[in-house]
Amino acid sequence: MLLEYIAIAVMIAIATLIAFIAIGMGELFGPKKRTAEKDVPYESGITPYGEGTRRMPIRFYLIAVLFILFDIEVVFFLPWAIAFRQLGIFGLLEMVVFITILLIGYVYAWKKGALEWE
């Protein structure tokens, strides 16, 4: 019974070994001389100003959470599409209910201004 898991264990061991080899080669052959130019934080080609830890507006996080939420909900379409023929009219009606709830949430977020990018 445990023989079936040997292939997975070997793959994990090989992946771990490759990761350690890559890190080791970077440490061994990589540049080591630190300069003031290398220690400066780099942000999209813009010269940094102020301290590196600035407060980010909550809007960035809100849009990211909404994006993840709608992406996860869209993932539910795949199993439904695969089993559509077996589900029949009941599956179609359930998906209509699901899409309606999804659209109500989307319209609510839109009306609240959560999707506005300033």
N, C-alpha and C. Protein backbone atom coordinates (compact mmCIF):
# COMPACT_ATOMS: atom_id res chain seq x y z
N MET A 1 0.81 -1.18 0.00
CA MET A 1 0.00 0.00 0.00
C MET A 1 0.87 1.26 0.00
N LEU A 2 1.94 1.27 0.77
CA LEU A 2 2.79 2.43 0.82
C LEU A 2 3.67 2.56 -0.42
N LEU A 3 3.79 1.50 -1.20
CA LEU A 3 4.61 1.56 -2.42
C LEU A 3 4.04 2.56 -3.42
N GLU A 4 2.75 2.83 -3.36
CA GLU A 4 2.13 3.77 -4.28
C GLU A 4 2.60 5.20 -4.01
N TYR A 5 3.04 5.48 -2.80
CA TYR A 5 3.45 6.83 -2.43
C TYR A 5 4.94 7.09 -2.65
N ILE A 6 5.68 6.07 -3.04
CA ILE A 6 7.12 6.23 -3.25
C ILE A 6 7.40 7.22 -4.38
N ALA A 7 6.61 7.18 -5.44
CA ALA A 7 6.82 8.10 -6.56
C ALA A 7 6.64 9.55 -6.12
N ILE A 8 5.66 9.80 -5.28
CA ILE A 8 5.44 11.16 -4.78
C ILE A 8 6.61 11.58 -3.89
N ALA A 9 7.07 10.69 -3.03
CA ALA A 9 8.19 11.00 -2.15
C ALA A 9 9.45 11.29 -2.95
N VAL A 10 9.68 10.52 -4.02
CA VAL A 10 10.85 10.74 -4.88
C VAL A 10 10.75 12.09 -5.57
N MET A 11 9.56 12.46 -6.06
CA MET A 11 9.39 13.75 -6.72
C MET A 11 9.62 14.90 -5.75
N ILE A 12 9.13 14.78 -4.53
CA ILE A 12 9.35 15.83 -3.53
C ILE A 12 10.83 15.94 -3.20
N ALA A 13 11.50 14.81 -3.07
CA ALA A 13 12.94 14.82 -2.77
C ALA A 13 13.73 15.46 -3.90
N ILE A 14 13.40 15.13 -5.14
CA ILE A 14 14.11 15.70 -6.29
C ILE A 14 13.86 17.21 -6.37
N ALA A 15 12.61 17.64 -6.15
CA ALA A 15 12.30 19.07 -6.20
C ALA A 15 13.04 19.83 -5.10
N THR A 16 13.11 19.25 -3.91
CA THR A 16 13.83 19.88 -2.81
C THR A 16 15.32 19.96 -3.13
N LEU A 17 15.87 18.90 -3.69
CA LEU A 17 17.28 18.88 -4.04
C LEU A 17 17.60 19.94 -5.11
N ILE A 18 16.75 20.05 -6.11
CA ILE A 18 16.97 21.06 -7.16
C ILE A 18 16.89 22.46 -6.57
N ALA A 19 15.95 22.69 -5.64
CA ALA A 19 15.83 24.01 -5.01
C ALA A 19 17.09 24.34 -4.22
N PHE A 20 17.60 23.38 -3.44
CA PHE A 20 18.81 23.64 -2.67
C PHE A 20 20.02 23.84 -3.58
N ILE A 21 20.09 23.11 -4.67
CA ILE A 21 21.20 23.28 -5.62
C ILE A 21 21.14 24.68 -6.24
N ALA A 22 19.95 25.13 -6.62
CA ALA A 22 19.82 26.45 -7.23
C ALA A 22 20.21 27.55 -6.25
N ILE A 23 19.77 27.44 -5.01
CA ILE A 23 20.13 28.44 -4.00
C ILE A 23 21.62 28.40 -3.72
N GLY A 24 22.17 27.21 -3.61
CA GLY A 24 23.60 27.07 -3.36
C GLY A 24 24.45 27.63 -4.48
N MET A 25 24.07 27.39 -5.72
CA MET A 25 24.84 27.93 -6.85
C MET A 25 24.74 29.44 -6.89
N GLY A 26 23.59 30.00 -6.53
CA GLY A 26 23.47 31.45 -6.48
C GLY A 26 24.37 32.05 -5.42
N GLU A 27 24.44 31.39 -4.27
CA GLU A 27 25.32 31.87 -3.20
C GLU A 27 26.78 31.70 -3.57
N LEU A 28 27.10 30.59 -4.23
CA LEU A 28 28.48 30.29 -4.58
C LEU A 28 29.01 31.19 -5.70
N PHE A 29 28.23 31.35 -6.76
CA PHE A 29 28.70 32.06 -7.95
C PHE A 29 28.15 33.47 -8.08
N GLY A 30 27.22 33.87 -7.25
CA GLY A 30 26.60 35.19 -7.35
C GLY A 30 27.51 36.31 -6.88
N PRO A 31 27.18 37.54 -7.28
CA PRO A 31 28.00 38.68 -6.86
C PRO A 31 27.87 38.90 -5.35
N LYS A 32 28.99 39.27 -4.74
CA LYS A 32 29.00 39.42 -3.29
C LYS A 32 29.31 40.85 -2.86
N LYS A 33 29.80 41.68 -3.76
CA LYS A 33 30.21 43.03 -3.39
C LYS A 33 28.97 43.92 -3.27
N ARG A 34 28.75 44.45 -2.08
CA ARG A 34 27.60 45.34 -1.85
C ARG A 34 28.01 46.77 -2.16
N THR A 35 27.13 47.47 -2.83
CA THR A 35 27.36 48.88 -3.12
C THR A 35 26.14 49.68 -2.68
N ALA A 36 26.33 50.98 -2.58
CA ALA A 36 25.20 51.83 -2.19
C ALA A 36 24.10 51.78 -3.24
N GLU A 37 24.48 51.62 -4.49
CA GLU A 37 23.50 51.55 -5.58
C GLU A 37 22.62 50.29 -5.45
N LYS A 38 23.21 49.17 -5.04
CA LYS A 38 22.46 47.92 -4.90
C LYS A 38 21.55 47.93 -3.67
N ASP A 39 21.90 48.71 -2.67
CA ASP A 39 21.11 48.74 -1.45
C ASP A 39 19.90 49.67 -1.52
N VAL A 40 19.78 50.45 -2.59
CA VAL A 40 18.65 51.36 -2.74
C VAL A 40 17.43 50.55 -3.17
N PRO A 41 16.27 50.76 -2.54
CA PRO A 41 15.06 50.04 -2.98
C PRO A 41 14.65 50.49 -4.38
N TYR A 42 14.16 49.56 -5.16
CA TYR A 42 13.78 49.83 -6.54
C TYR A 42 12.29 49.62 -6.68
N GLU A 43 11.58 50.66 -7.13
CA GLU A 43 10.14 50.55 -7.28
C GLU A 43 9.72 51.03 -8.66
N SER A 44 9.61 50.14 -9.58
CA SER A 44 9.07 50.41 -10.91
C SER A 44 9.81 51.51 -11.65
N GLY A 45 11.10 51.64 -11.44
CA GLY A 45 11.88 52.64 -12.14
C GLY A 45 11.76 54.04 -11.58
N ILE A 46 10.99 54.20 -10.51
CA ILE A 46 10.82 55.51 -9.91
C ILE A 46 11.83 55.67 -8.79
N THR A 47 12.48 56.82 -8.72
CA THR A 47 13.42 57.08 -7.64
C THR A 47 12.66 57.10 -6.32
N PRO A 48 13.05 56.28 -5.36
CA PRO A 48 12.30 56.22 -4.11
C PRO A 48 12.45 57.50 -3.30
N TYR A 49 11.40 57.83 -2.58
CA TYR A 49 11.44 58.99 -1.70
C TYR A 49 10.78 58.61 -0.38
N GLY A 50 11.22 59.20 0.68
CA GLY A 50 10.64 58.89 1.98
C GLY A 50 11.09 57.52 2.46
N GLU A 51 10.47 57.08 3.53
CA GLU A 51 10.81 55.77 4.05
C GLU A 51 10.13 54.67 3.23
N GLY A 52 10.64 53.47 3.31
CA GLY A 52 10.14 52.38 2.49
C GLY A 52 8.79 51.85 2.92
N THR A 53 8.40 52.09 4.15
CA THR A 53 7.13 51.56 4.64
C THR A 53 6.09 52.67 4.70
N ARG A 54 5.41 52.85 3.59
CA ARG A 54 4.33 53.84 3.53
C ARG A 54 3.00 53.11 3.67
N ARG A 55 2.02 53.83 4.13
CA ARG A 55 0.69 53.25 4.25
C ARG A 55 0.07 53.13 2.87
N MET A 56 -0.48 51.95 2.59
CA MET A 56 -1.16 51.73 1.33
C MET A 56 -2.65 51.98 1.54
N PRO A 57 -3.32 52.61 0.58
CA PRO A 57 -4.76 52.79 0.71
C PRO A 57 -5.48 51.44 0.75
N ILE A 58 -6.54 51.37 1.50
CA ILE A 58 -7.28 50.12 1.65
C ILE A 58 -7.94 49.70 0.35
N ARG A 59 -8.11 50.64 -0.57
CA ARG A 59 -8.78 50.33 -1.84
C ARG A 59 -8.04 49.24 -2.63
N PHE A 60 -6.70 49.22 -2.56
CA PHE A 60 -5.93 48.19 -3.26
C PHE A 60 -6.31 46.80 -2.73
N TYR A 61 -6.40 46.68 -1.42
CA TYR A 61 -6.73 45.39 -0.82
C TYR A 61 -8.17 45.00 -1.11
N LEU A 62 -9.06 45.98 -1.10
CA LEU A 62 -10.47 45.70 -1.37
C LEU A 62 -10.66 45.17 -2.78
N ILE A 63 -10.00 45.79 -3.74
CA ILE A 63 -10.11 45.33 -5.12
C ILE A 63 -9.48 43.95 -5.28
N ALA A 64 -8.37 43.69 -4.59
CA ALA A 64 -7.74 42.37 -4.66
C ALA A 64 -8.66 41.30 -4.08
N VAL A 65 -9.30 41.60 -2.96
CA VAL A 65 -10.21 40.62 -2.34
C VAL A 65 -11.41 40.37 -3.24
N LEU A 66 -11.97 41.43 -3.84
CA LEU A 66 -13.09 41.25 -4.75
C LEU A 66 -12.69 40.43 -5.97
N PHE A 67 -11.50 40.66 -6.49
CA PHE A 67 -11.01 39.89 -7.64
C PHE A 67 -10.91 38.41 -7.29
N ILE A 68 -10.33 38.11 -6.12
CA ILE A 68 -10.21 36.72 -5.69
C ILE A 68 -11.58 36.11 -5.47
N LEU A 69 -12.48 36.86 -4.85
CA LEU A 69 -13.83 36.36 -4.59
C LEU A 69 -14.55 35.98 -5.87
N PHE A 70 -14.53 36.87 -6.87
CA PHE A 70 -15.22 36.57 -8.12
C PHE A 70 -14.50 35.47 -8.90
N ASP A 71 -13.18 35.39 -8.80
CA ASP A 71 -12.46 34.29 -9.46
C ASP A 71 -12.86 32.94 -8.86
N ILE A 72 -12.94 32.88 -7.55
CA ILE A 72 -13.32 31.62 -6.90
C ILE A 72 -14.74 31.22 -7.27
N GLU A 73 -15.62 32.20 -7.36
CA GLU A 73 -16.99 31.87 -7.74
C GLU A 73 -17.08 31.37 -9.17
N VAL A 74 -16.25 31.92 -10.05
CA VAL A 74 -16.26 31.48 -11.45
C VAL A 74 -15.74 30.05 -11.57
N VAL A 75 -14.87 29.63 -10.64
CA VAL A 75 -14.34 28.26 -10.67
C VAL A 75 -15.47 27.24 -10.55
N PHE A 76 -16.57 27.61 -9.91
CA PHE A 76 -17.69 26.68 -9.76
C PHE A 76 -18.40 26.39 -11.09
N PHE A 77 -18.11 27.15 -12.13
CA PHE A 77 -18.72 26.88 -13.42
C PHE A 77 -18.17 25.61 -14.06
N LEU A 78 -16.93 25.27 -13.81
CA LEU A 78 -16.31 24.11 -14.47
C LEU A 78 -16.99 22.79 -14.10
N PRO A 79 -17.17 22.46 -12.81
CA PRO A 79 -17.86 21.20 -12.52
C PRO A 79 -19.29 21.18 -13.05
N TRP A 80 -19.93 22.33 -13.02
CA TRP A 80 -21.29 22.39 -13.54
C TRP A 80 -21.30 22.11 -15.05
N ALA A 81 -20.34 22.68 -15.77
CA ALA A 81 -20.28 22.48 -17.22
C ALA A 81 -19.97 21.03 -17.56
N ILE A 82 -19.15 20.38 -16.73
CA ILE A 82 -18.81 18.98 -17.00
C ILE A 82 -20.01 18.07 -16.78
N ALA A 83 -20.78 18.34 -15.73
CA ALA A 83 -21.91 17.48 -15.38
C ALA A 83 -23.24 18.04 -15.87
N PHE A 84 -23.21 18.95 -16.82
CA PHE A 84 -24.44 19.63 -17.25
C PHE A 84 -25.48 18.67 -17.79
N ARG A 85 -25.08 17.72 -18.61
CA ARG A 85 -26.05 16.81 -19.23
C ARG A 85 -26.73 15.90 -18.19
N GLN A 86 -26.01 15.50 -17.17
CA GLN A 86 -26.60 14.65 -16.14
C GLN A 86 -27.52 15.43 -15.21
N LEU A 87 -27.26 16.71 -15.03
CA LEU A 87 -28.05 17.53 -14.11
C LEU A 87 -29.41 17.90 -14.68
N GLY A 88 -29.46 18.08 -15.97
CA GLY A 88 -30.72 18.41 -16.61
C GLY A 88 -31.21 19.81 -16.27
N ILE A 89 -32.55 19.95 -16.23
CA ILE A 89 -33.16 21.25 -15.99
C ILE A 89 -32.90 21.73 -14.56
N PHE A 90 -32.80 20.79 -13.61
CA PHE A 90 -32.52 21.16 -12.22
C PHE A 90 -31.15 21.85 -12.12
N GLY A 91 -30.15 21.32 -12.79
CA GLY A 91 -28.82 21.92 -12.77
C GLY A 91 -28.82 23.29 -13.43
N LEU A 92 -29.59 23.44 -14.50
CA LEU A 92 -29.69 24.73 -15.16
C LEU A 92 -30.32 25.77 -14.24
N LEU A 93 -31.39 25.41 -13.55
CA LEU A 93 -32.05 26.34 -12.65
C LEU A 93 -31.16 26.69 -11.46
N GLU A 94 -30.44 25.72 -10.95
CA GLU A 94 -29.52 26.01 -9.85
C GLU A 94 -28.41 26.97 -10.28
N MET A 95 -27.92 26.82 -11.51
CA MET A 95 -26.88 27.73 -11.99
C MET A 95 -27.45 29.12 -12.23
N VAL A 96 -28.70 29.21 -12.66
CA VAL A 96 -29.34 30.52 -12.82
C VAL A 96 -29.43 31.21 -11.46
N VAL A 97 -29.80 30.47 -10.41
CA VAL A 97 -29.86 31.04 -9.07
C VAL A 97 -28.46 31.49 -8.63
N PHE A 98 -27.46 30.67 -8.88
CA PHE A 98 -26.07 31.01 -8.50
C PHE A 98 -25.61 32.27 -9.23
N ILE A 99 -25.86 32.36 -10.53
CA ILE A 99 -25.44 33.53 -11.30
C ILE A 99 -26.20 34.77 -10.85
N THR A 100 -27.47 34.61 -10.50
CA THR A 100 -28.25 35.75 -10.01
C THR A 100 -27.67 36.29 -8.71
N ILE A 101 -27.33 35.40 -7.78
CA ILE A 101 -26.71 35.83 -6.53
C ILE A 101 -25.37 36.49 -6.79
N LEU A 102 -24.60 35.93 -7.70
CA LEU A 102 -23.31 36.50 -8.07
C LEU A 102 -23.48 37.90 -8.67
N LEU A 103 -24.43 38.07 -9.54
CA LEU A 103 -24.66 39.37 -10.16
C LEU A 103 -25.17 40.39 -9.15
N ILE A 104 -26.00 39.98 -8.20
CA ILE A 104 -26.47 40.90 -7.16
C ILE A 104 -25.28 41.40 -6.35
N GLY A 105 -24.36 40.50 -6.00
CA GLY A 105 -23.16 40.91 -5.27
C GLY A 105 -22.28 41.83 -6.09
N TYR A 106 -22.17 41.56 -7.37
CA TYR A 106 -21.36 42.40 -8.25
C TYR A 106 -21.95 43.79 -8.38
N VAL A 107 -23.26 43.87 -8.58
CA VAL A 107 -23.94 45.16 -8.69
C VAL A 107 -23.83 45.94 -7.37
N TYR A 108 -23.96 45.24 -6.24
CA TYR A 108 -23.82 45.88 -4.93
C TYR A 108 -22.43 46.50 -4.77
N ALA A 109 -21.39 45.74 -5.13
CA ALA A 109 -20.02 46.24 -5.03
C ALA A 109 -19.81 47.42 -5.97
N TRP A 110 -20.42 47.35 -7.14
CA TRP A 110 -20.29 48.42 -8.12
C TRP A 110 -20.97 49.70 -7.61
N LYS A 111 -22.18 49.56 -7.06
CA LYS A 111 -22.92 50.73 -6.56
C LYS A 111 -22.24 51.35 -5.34
N LYS A 112 -21.57 50.54 -4.53
CA LYS A 112 -20.86 51.05 -3.36
C LYS A 112 -19.55 51.74 -3.75
N GLY A 113 -19.14 51.61 -5.01
CA GLY A 113 -17.91 52.25 -5.47
C GLY A 113 -16.66 51.41 -5.20
N ALA A 114 -16.83 50.15 -4.89
CA ALA A 114 -15.68 49.30 -4.58
C ALA A 114 -14.83 49.01 -5.80
N LEU A 115 -15.38 49.19 -6.99
CA LEU A 115 -14.63 48.88 -8.21
C LEU A 115 -14.02 50.12 -8.84
N GLU A 116 -14.17 51.27 -8.22
CA GLU A 116 -13.60 52.51 -8.74
C GLU A 116 -12.11 52.54 -8.44
N TRP A 117 -11.32 52.86 -9.43
CA TRP A 117 -9.87 52.94 -9.26
C TRP A 117 -9.47 54.41 -9.31
N GLU A 118 -8.96 54.91 -8.20
CA GLU A 118 -8.61 56.33 -8.13
C GLU A 118 -7.13 56.54 -8.13
